């Protein structure tokens, strides 16, 4: 038998949720064939078959949470493995009834096993947040263990069974634990409406997005400042050189490269926008890893273009194009979405005219791009029609003062309205 185990998932990622199994127990598998999909806090990955044979056992069902290195299932190698499912399919003969005095032993053993079984981190977190005791929830996992799905179902039913109190005097606490926010449970819909609703479990990625965005709002002193940029010069430059650029570099010339270079130049002048808080310290980053938000069917991911200060415009465009393609295919690696110092989010591709982006913690700044739209503006005392774009900079006021935030946004605007500044480093 060959074990199928949860692979190393990357820095700071210790658990994953079973998304779905591609094979059923008893089906043949080929080496390196995708067997199961794992959803982590950041990406969705597929676990390949370590050997060819027959999938003899699935140890963890869909929706359960597993730790790194946990057993997912087993493969019976070669043709010999085909006998394993057949053997399992045979109906076992009924055993002789146990003696009366031993009738309660299995139930007691099962209860003891459930009580002694360690709880998954996700179960412990839900137990602490909701006040629902896992000991009072019927487990559907292996050996009767309580899964994350069991806890969520119990919370939705409004189960509030208190945890059993330990005998003896209560331990003295040095300080009272801070109150935890309860898990939000919506009121039941009327029957007519409930029949037309569809309930779908949030993916691990979507849960993480929700948690991180709310944490950013709760932690940072977030503020947004706005400006607008005349895109005439950038559009003219792009139209003039896009064919030659694509022919030489084999990548399309977009606008993200210009915005990335403009942000790096502004970050050099206003270093606090590229800093973050660590306890009582301010950490200033003398490197520029720019995160580029990419929308996918599974949710928003932010791959990081590293060391943009030393990359050419073509290298930045190639990296962003590669990230966008692999993000939509679910092939990004976890390390490719870590370590960013500043983020750019382009809502304009979806038609957004203005928005206030939320910080990508622990970063202190995020630039929001929007739709380029022709508007009448005053140029040299005359009204002209120009392609204009609103820019929004959300920033952490604990790190960045208003003057610095406005200065940063003005520098980005100046670089885009006069792209020669990007070449001359002005």
Protein backbone atom coordinates (compact mmCIF):
# COMPACT_ATOMS: atom_id res chain seq x y z
CA UNK A 1 0.00 0.00 0.00
CA UNK A 2 1.17 3.53 -0.82
CA UNK A 3 -0.04 6.36 1.41
CA UNK A 4 -1.50 9.57 -0.03
CA UNK A 5 -0.64 12.43 2.31
CA UNK A 6 -1.16 16.19 2.45
CA UNK A 7 1.95 17.81 0.94
CA UNK A 8 3.80 20.79 2.34
CA UNK A 9 1.54 23.74 1.56
CA UNK A 10 3.94 26.64 1.98
CA UNK A 11 5.06 29.09 4.60
CA UNK A 12 2.54 29.70 7.42
CA UNK A 13 -0.03 27.33 5.87
CA UNK A 14 -0.67 24.41 8.20
CA UNK A 15 -4.05 23.05 7.11
CA UNK A 16 -6.31 22.65 4.11
CA UNK A 17 -9.88 21.64 3.32
CA UNK A 18 -10.80 18.74 1.06
CA UNK A 19 -12.41 20.33 -1.97
CA UNK A 20 -13.34 17.20 -3.90
CA UNK A 21 -12.05 13.77 -4.80
CA UNK A 22 -11.58 13.11 -8.52
CA UNK A 23 -11.64 9.34 -7.99
CA UNK A 24 -13.77 6.93 -5.99
CA UNK A 25 -12.50 4.04 -3.87
CA UNK A 26 -11.91 1.03 -6.10
CA UNK A 27 -11.11 3.01 -9.25
CA UNK A 28 -7.75 2.58 -11.02
CA UNK A 29 -5.29 5.49 -10.96
CA UNK A 30 -2.15 6.34 -12.90
CA UNK A 31 1.02 7.80 -11.44
CA UNK A 32 0.86 11.63 -11.14
CA UNK A 33 -2.87 11.61 -12.00
CA UNK A 34 -4.75 14.26 -9.94
CA UNK A 35 -6.60 12.52 -7.10
CA UNK A 36 -7.93 15.17 -4.76
CA UNK A 37 -8.29 18.95 -4.65
CA UNK A 38 -7.16 20.81 -1.51
CA UNK A 39 -8.31 24.34 -0.69
CA UNK A 40 -5.91 26.38 1.44
CA UNK A 41 -6.07 29.92 2.74
CA UNK A 42 -4.43 31.19 -0.43
CA UNK A 43 -4.66 28.75 -3.33
CA UNK A 44 -6.31 25.55 -4.51
CA UNK A 45 -3.90 22.70 -5.28
CA UNK A 46 -4.27 19.19 -6.67
CA UNK A 47 -2.58 16.20 -5.04
CA UNK A 48 -1.28 13.72 -7.65
CA UNK A 49 -1.16 9.94 -7.26
CA UNK A 50 2.26 8.90 -5.90
CA UNK A 51 1.98 5.49 -7.64
CA UNK A 52 -0.12 3.58 -10.17
CA UNK A 53 -2.69 1.07 -8.97
CA UNK A 54 -6.13 1.16 -7.39
CA UNK A 55 -7.44 3.75 -4.94
CA UNK A 56 -8.19 1.33 -2.14
CA UNK A 57 -9.21 3.77 0.60
CA UNK A 58 -10.36 7.36 1.03
CA UNK A 59 -9.57 8.35 4.61
CA UNK A 60 -10.95 11.92 4.57
CA UNK A 61 -14.26 12.98 3.02
CA UNK A 62 -15.05 16.17 1.10
CA UNK A 63 -15.31 19.27 3.29
CA UNK A 64 -13.09 18.01 6.11
CA UNK A 65 -10.04 19.93 7.30
CA UNK A 66 -6.66 18.21 7.32
CA UNK A 67 -3.19 19.18 8.52
CA UNK A 68 0.06 19.00 6.59
CA UNK A 69 1.22 15.38 6.43
CA UNK A 70 -2.20 13.92 7.26
CA UNK A 71 -3.26 10.66 5.59
CA UNK A 72 -5.71 11.25 2.75
CA UNK A 73 -6.02 7.70 1.45
CA UNK A 74 -4.13 4.67 0.17
CA UNK A 75 -3.28 3.18 -3.21
CA UNK A 76 -2.87 -0.55 -3.77
CA UNK A 77 -0.02 -0.76 -6.26
CA UNK A 78 -0.16 -2.73 -9.50
CA UNK A 79 -2.68 -5.33 -10.60
CA UNK A 80 -2.65 -6.93 -7.18
CA UNK A 81 -4.43 -3.91 -5.88
CA UNK A 82 -7.53 -4.76 -7.90
CA UNK A 83 -8.38 -7.50 -5.47
CA UNK A 84 -8.61 -5.06 -2.58
CA UNK A 85 -11.90 -3.43 -3.60
CA UNK A 86 -13.43 -6.80 -4.42
CA UNK A 87 -12.50 -8.11 -1.02
CA UNK A 88 -14.03 -5.07 0.61
CA UNK A 89 -17.20 -5.49 -1.41
CA UNK A 90 -17.90 -8.92 0.07
CA UNK A 91 -20.58 -8.74 2.70
CA UNK A 92 -19.11 -9.78 6.05
CA UNK A 93 -20.72 -12.68 7.85
CA UNK A 94 -22.68 -11.71 10.94
CA UNK A 95 -20.68 -12.29 14.07
CA UNK A 96 -22.02 -14.15 17.06
CA UNK A 97 -23.85 -11.86 19.51
CA UNK A 98 -21.57 -10.67 22.30
CA UNK A 99 -22.26 -11.50 25.93
CA UNK A 100 -24.76 -9.29 27.68
CA UNK A 101 -22.23 -7.79 30.02
CA UNK A 102 -20.07 -6.64 27.03
CA UNK A 103 -22.93 -5.05 25.06
CA UNK A 104 -22.09 -1.51 26.13
CA UNK A 105 -18.34 -1.83 25.58
CA UNK A 106 -18.23 -0.66 21.92
CA UNK A 107 -20.37 2.39 22.62
CA UNK A 108 -18.23 3.29 25.59
CA UNK A 109 -15.06 2.80 23.57
CA UNK A 110 -16.45 4.95 20.76
CA UNK A 111 -17.37 7.72 23.16
CA UNK A 112 -13.94 7.53 24.78
CA UNK A 113 -12.23 7.65 21.37
CA UNK A 114 -14.26 10.69 20.38
CA UNK A 115 -13.48 12.41 23.65
CA UNK A 116 -9.75 11.66 23.39
CA UNK A 117 -9.46 12.52 19.66
CA UNK A 118 -7.75 15.87 19.07
CA UNK A 119 -9.91 18.56 17.52
CA UNK A 120 -8.93 20.12 14.20
CA UNK A 121 -7.75 23.76 14.41
CA UNK A 122 -10.78 24.93 12.45
CA UNK A 123 -13.10 23.12 14.89
CA UNK A 124 -11.36 24.67 17.90
CA UNK A 125 -11.65 28.11 16.33
CA UNK A 126 -15.37 27.73 15.67
CA UNK A 127 -15.85 26.39 19.20
CA UNK A 128 -14.17 29.48 20.65
CA UNK A 129 -15.99 31.95 18.38
CA UNK A 130 -19.49 30.54 18.68
CA UNK A 131 -19.60 29.09 22.19
CA UNK A 132 -20.88 25.78 20.78
CA UNK A 133 -19.06 22.92 22.51
CA UNK A 134 -17.66 20.32 20.16
CA UNK A 135 -18.33 17.65 22.79
CA UNK A 136 -22.06 18.18 22.29
CA UNK A 137 -21.94 17.86 18.49
CA UNK A 138 -22.44 14.54 16.71
CA UNK A 139 -19.32 13.85 14.66
CA UNK A 140 -19.47 12.46 11.13
CA UNK A 141 -15.71 12.21 10.57
CA UNK A 142 -13.47 9.19 10.95
CA UNK A 143 -13.91 7.43 14.32
CA UNK A 144 -16.75 9.84 15.11
CA UNK A 145 -14.58 12.94 15.08
CA UNK A 146 -16.25 16.33 14.85
CA UNK A 147 -15.52 18.05 11.54
CA UNK A 148 -15.74 21.69 10.58
CA UNK A 149 -18.93 20.93 8.66
CA UNK A 150 -20.47 19.37 11.79
CA UNK A 151 -19.69 22.51 13.78
CA UNK A 152 -21.12 24.86 11.14
CA UNK A 153 -24.28 22.79 10.94
CA UNK A 154 -24.63 22.82 14.73
CA UNK A 155 -24.16 26.59 14.81
CA UNK A 156 -26.81 27.06 12.13
CA UNK A 157 -29.24 24.94 14.15
CA UNK A 158 -28.61 27.21 17.09
CA UNK A 159 -26.99 24.50 19.21
CA UNK A 160 -25.63 26.01 22.37
CA UNK A 161 -24.72 22.97 24.41
CA UNK A 162 -22.27 24.10 27.12
CA UNK A 163 -18.93 22.37 27.46
CA UNK A 164 -18.82 19.95 30.43
CA UNK A 165 -17.35 21.55 33.50
CA UNK A 166 -14.23 19.94 34.95
CA UNK A 167 -14.58 18.69 38.54
CA UNK A 168 -12.94 20.61 41.32
CA UNK A 169 -12.34 24.32 41.79
CA UNK A 170 -12.01 26.46 38.69
CA UNK A 171 -8.45 27.54 37.88
CA UNK A 172 -7.56 31.12 38.69
CA UNK A 173 -6.87 33.19 35.60
CA UNK A 174 -4.33 35.99 35.64
CA UNK A 175 -6.49 38.01 33.28
CA UNK A 176 -9.90 37.76 31.71
CA UNK A 177 -9.82 36.56 28.09
CA UNK A 178 -11.01 39.12 25.54
CA UNK A 179 -14.52 38.57 24.21
CA UNK A 180 -14.69 36.89 20.81
CA UNK A 181 -17.08 37.89 18.08
CA UNK A 182 -19.84 35.31 17.61
CA UNK A 183 -20.23 33.55 14.28
CA UNK A 184 -22.90 35.37 12.32
CA UNK A 185 -25.93 33.15 11.72
CA UNK A 186 -28.79 34.54 9.66
CA UNK A 187 -32.41 34.21 10.64
CA UNK A 188 -34.27 31.45 8.78
CA UNK A 189 -36.07 32.52 5.62
CA UNK A 190 -39.83 32.11 5.21
CA UNK A 191 -40.72 28.71 3.68
CA UNK A 192 -41.65 30.22 0.31
CA UNK A 193 -38.29 31.99 0.06
CA UNK A 194 -36.28 29.09 1.48
CA UNK A 195 -37.51 26.80 -1.28
CA UNK A 196 -35.97 29.13 -3.85
CA UNK A 197 -32.62 29.58 -2.11
CA UNK A 198 -29.40 27.71 -2.77
CA UNK A 199 -26.95 27.18 0.07
CA UNK A 200 -23.30 26.72 -0.97
CA UNK A 201 -20.44 26.26 1.49
CA UNK A 202 -17.84 29.03 1.25
CA UNK A 203 -14.50 27.85 -0.09
CA UNK A 204 -11.41 28.09 2.08
CA UNK A 205 -10.14 30.88 -0.16
CA UNK A 206 -13.37 32.88 0.12
CA UNK A 207 -13.43 32.49 3.91
CA UNK A 208 -9.84 33.74 4.08
CA UNK A 209 -10.61 36.72 1.83
CA UNK A 210 -13.56 37.66 4.06
CA UNK A 211 -11.54 37.31 7.25
CA UNK A 212 -8.48 39.23 6.02
CA UNK A 213 -10.49 42.12 4.60
CA UNK A 214 -12.48 42.50 7.80
CA UNK A 215 -9.29 42.25 9.89
CA UNK A 216 -7.79 45.05 7.80
CA UNK A 217 -10.78 47.28 8.51
CA UNK A 218 -10.70 46.47 12.23
CA UNK A 219 -6.94 46.93 12.65
CA UNK A 220 -5.80 49.77 10.39
CA UNK A 221 -6.80 53.42 10.58
CA UNK A 222 -7.85 53.26 6.94
CA UNK A 223 -8.46 56.36 4.87
CA UNK A 224 -8.76 56.96 1.11
CA UNK A 225 -7.61 59.94 -0.95
CA UNK A 226 -8.56 60.51 -4.60
CA UNK A 227 -7.16 62.15 -7.69
CA UNK A 228 -7.64 61.88 -11.44
CA UNK A 229 -5.14 61.35 -14.21
CA UNK A 230 -5.26 62.38 -17.85
CA UNK A 231 -4.40 59.18 -19.74
CA UNK A 232 -3.78 60.92 -23.08
CA UNK A 233 0.02 60.63 -23.01
CA UNK A 234 0.07 56.98 -21.93
CA UNK A 235 -2.58 55.98 -24.49
CA UNK A 236 -0.72 57.82 -27.27
CA UNK A 237 2.58 56.18 -26.31
CA UNK A 238 0.97 52.75 -26.14
CA UNK A 239 -0.78 53.10 -29.50
CA UNK A 240 2.44 54.27 -31.11
CA UNK A 241 4.64 51.40 -29.89
CA UNK A 242 2.34 48.49 -29.02
CA UNK A 243 2.95 46.57 -32.26
CA UNK A 244 6.73 47.00 -32.14
CA UNK A 245 6.72 46.19 -28.40
CA UNK A 246 4.77 42.95 -28.91
CA UNK A 247 6.95 41.92 -31.85
CA UNK A 248 10.17 42.36 -29.87
CA UNK A 249 9.11 41.18 -26.41
CA UNK A 250 6.31 38.74 -27.36
CA UNK A 251 3.92 40.26 -24.85
CA UNK A 252 1.22 42.91 -25.22
CA UNK A 253 1.91 46.40 -23.96
CA UNK A 254 -0.75 47.16 -21.37
CA UNK A 255 -1.26 49.88 -18.79
CA UNK A 256 -0.28 47.88 -15.68
CA UNK A 257 3.42 48.17 -16.52
CA UNK A 258 3.18 51.98 -16.60
CA UNK A 259 1.27 52.07 -13.31
CA UNK A 260 3.72 49.69 -11.63
CA UNK A 261 6.73 51.76 -12.70
CA UNK A 262 4.96 54.97 -11.62
CA UNK A 263 4.17 53.48 -8.20
CA UNK A 264 7.77 52.33 -7.66
CA UNK A 265 9.02 55.81 -8.47
CA UNK A 266 6.50 57.36 -6.05
CA UNK A 267 7.32 54.80 -3.33
CA UNK A 268 10.99 55.76 -3.53
CA UNK A 269 10.05 59.39 -2.88
CA UNK A 270 7.50 58.59 -0.14
CA UNK A 271 8.97 55.53 1.67
CA UNK A 272 6.30 55.42 4.38
CA UNK A 273 3.77 54.12 1.82
CA UNK A 274 6.09 51.12 1.38
CA UNK A 275 6.37 50.53 5.14
CA UNK A 276 4.40 48.51 7.69
CA UNK A 277 3.91 48.36 11.46
CA UNK A 278 5.50 45.54 13.47
CA UNK A 279 4.56 45.94 17.11
CA UNK A 280 6.04 49.27 18.21
CA UNK A 281 8.35 49.45 15.18
CA UNK A 282 8.00 50.85 11.68
CA UNK A 283 9.57 48.59 9.05
CA UNK A 284 10.68 50.48 5.93
CA UNK A 285 11.13 48.24 2.88
CA UNK A 286 14.01 49.20 0.62
CA UNK A 287 12.70 46.88 -2.08
CA UNK A 288 9.53 47.04 -4.11
CA UNK A 289 7.45 43.88 -4.39
CA UNK A 290 4.22 45.01 -6.05
CA UNK A 291 1.10 42.87 -5.62
CA UNK A 292 -1.30 42.84 -8.58
CA UNK A 293 -4.89 41.88 -7.71
CA UNK A 294 -6.34 39.29 -10.10
CA UNK A 295 -10.01 38.26 -10.06
CA UNK A 296 -10.75 34.57 -10.65
CA UNK A 297 -13.83 32.35 -10.46
CA UNK A 298 -12.70 31.20 -7.01
CA UNK A 299 -12.03 34.68 -5.65
CA UNK A 300 -9.46 37.45 -5.58
CA UNK A 301 -5.77 36.52 -5.47
CA UNK A 302 -2.78 38.88 -5.32
CA UNK A 303 0.40 37.51 -6.93
CA UNK A 304 3.52 39.57 -6.29
CA UNK A 305 5.89 40.98 -8.92
CA UNK A 306 9.19 41.04 -7.05
CA UNK A 307 11.96 43.64 -7.26
CA UNK A 308 10.08 45.89 -9.68
CA UNK A 309 12.76 48.54 -9.21
CA UNK A 310 15.18 46.44 -11.27
CA UNK A 311 12.70 45.11 -13.88
CA UNK A 312 12.13 46.59 -17.32
CA UNK A 313 8.65 47.47 -18.53
CA UNK A 314 8.66 44.34 -20.70
CA UNK A 315 9.68 42.10 -17.77
CA UNK A 316 6.89 43.54 -15.63
CA UNK A 317 4.31 43.01 -18.38
CA UNK A 318 5.48 39.42 -18.97
CA UNK A 319 5.29 38.60 -15.26
CA UNK A 320 1.82 40.11 -14.86
CA UNK A 321 0.51 38.30 -17.96
CA UNK A 322 1.91 34.99 -16.70
CA UNK A 323 0.39 35.52 -13.24
CA UNK A 324 -3.02 36.38 -14.71
CA UNK A 325 -3.05 33.26 -16.89
CA UNK A 326 -1.96 30.90 -14.10
CA UNK A 327 -4.28 32.53 -11.54
CA UNK A 328 -7.32 31.77 -13.70
CA UNK A 329 -6.09 28.18 -14.13
CA UNK A 330 -5.52 27.78 -10.36
CA UNK A 331 -1.79 27.13 -10.84
CA UNK A 332 -0.26 29.89 -8.72
CA UNK A 333 2.15 28.83 -5.99
CA UNK A 334 1.71 30.05 -2.44
CA UNK A 335 5.14 31.68 -2.33
CA UNK A 336 4.18 33.76 -5.37
CA UNK A 337 1.50 35.51 -3.31
CA UNK A 338 3.61 36.35 -0.27
CA UNK A 339 5.93 39.19 0.62
CA UNK A 340 4.26 42.08 -1.21
CA UNK A 341 5.00 45.63 -0.02
CA UNK A 342 2.31 47.53 -1.99
CA UNK A 343 -0.72 46.48 -4.06
CA UNK A 344 -2.41 47.71 -7.23
CA UNK A 345 -6.04 46.80 -7.89
CA UNK A 346 -7.62 47.49 -11.30
CA UNK A 347 -11.39 47.62 -10.97
CA UNK A 348 -11.59 49.45 -14.27
CA UNK A 349 -11.46 46.21 -16.25
CA UNK A 350 -14.93 45.46 -14.84
CA UNK A 351 -16.24 48.97 -15.50
CA UNK A 352 -15.75 50.51 -12.04
CA UNK A 353 -15.64 54.30 -12.17
CA UNK A 354 -14.63 54.89 -8.54
CA UNK A 355 -14.09 52.79 -5.41
CA UNK A 356 -12.26 52.71 -2.08
CA UNK A 357 -10.00 49.62 -2.07
CA UNK A 358 -9.33 47.80 1.22
CA UNK A 359 -5.75 47.36 2.40
CA UNK A 360 -3.97 44.08 1.81
CA UNK A 361 -2.62 43.65 5.37
CA UNK A 362 0.05 44.11 6.64
CA UNK A 363 0.73 46.54 3.80
CA UNK A 364 0.03 50.21 4.42
CA UNK A 365 -1.11 51.27 0.96
CA UNK A 366 -3.13 50.09 -2.04
CA UNK A 367 -3.77 51.93 -5.30
CA UNK A 368 -7.14 51.55 -7.00
CA UNK A 369 -7.28 52.01 -10.78
CA UNK A 370 -10.59 52.61 -12.52
CA UNK A 371 -12.26 52.87 -15.89
CA UNK A 372 -10.80 55.34 -18.38
CA UNK A 373 -13.67 57.55 -19.52
CA UNK A 374 -13.77 60.56 -21.78
CA UNK A 375 -14.80 63.66 -19.84
CA UNK A 376 -14.70 67.44 -20.44
CA UNK A 377 -11.76 69.03 -18.62
CA UNK A 378 -10.22 72.48 -18.64
CA UNK A 379 -6.80 72.51 -20.36
CA UNK A 380 -5.02 75.84 -20.77
CA UNK A 381 -8.22 77.75 -20.18
CA UNK A 382 -10.17 75.74 -22.75
CA UNK A 383 -12.61 72.87 -22.36
CA UNK A 384 -11.36 69.70 -24.02
CA UNK A 385 -12.49 66.09 -24.09
CA UNK A 386 -9.80 63.92 -22.47
CA UNK A 387 -9.59 60.24 -21.43
CA UNK A 388 -9.63 60.52 -17.65
CA UNK A 389 -9.22 57.95 -14.89
CA UNK A 390 -9.97 58.34 -11.19
CA UNK A 391 -7.25 57.02 -8.87
CA UNK A 392 -7.85 56.04 -5.25
CA UNK A 393 -5.14 55.48 -2.65
CA UNK A 394 -6.29 53.73 0.53
CA UNK A 395 -3.69 53.96 3.28
CA UNK A 396 -3.08 53.24 6.94
CA UNK A 397 -3.16 56.59 8.72
CA UNK A 398 -1.11 55.11 11.58
CA UNK A 399 1.85 54.90 9.20
CA UNK A 400 1.14 57.50 6.50
CA UNK A 401 0.18 61.12 7.07
CA UNK A 402 -2.26 62.86 4.78
CA UNK A 403 0.49 64.98 3.21
CA UNK A 404 2.50 61.86 2.32
CA UNK A 405 -0.54 60.10 0.87
CA UNK A 406 -1.46 63.04 -1.34
CA UNK A 407 2.17 63.52 -2.39
CA UNK A 408 2.40 59.87 -3.42
CA UNK A 409 -0.77 60.04 -5.51
CA UNK A 410 0.31 63.30 -7.18
CA UNK A 411 3.67 61.71 -8.13
CA UNK A 412 1.86 58.77 -9.72
CA UNK A 413 -0.37 61.19 -11.62
CA UNK A 414 2.62 63.25 -12.85
CA UNK A 415 4.49 60.18 -14.08
CA UNK A 416 1.50 58.91 -16.04
CA UNK A 417 0.66 62.27 -17.58
CA UNK A 418 4.29 62.69 -18.64
CA UNK A 419 5.73 59.16 -19.20
CA UNK A 420 9.15 60.62 -20.01
CA UNK A 421 9.57 60.99 -16.23
CA UNK A 422 9.63 57.19 -15.96
CA UNK A 423 12.50 56.99 -18.43
CA UNK A 424 14.45 59.92 -16.99
CA UNK A 425 13.76 58.92 -13.34
CA UNK A 426 12.28 62.32 -12.48
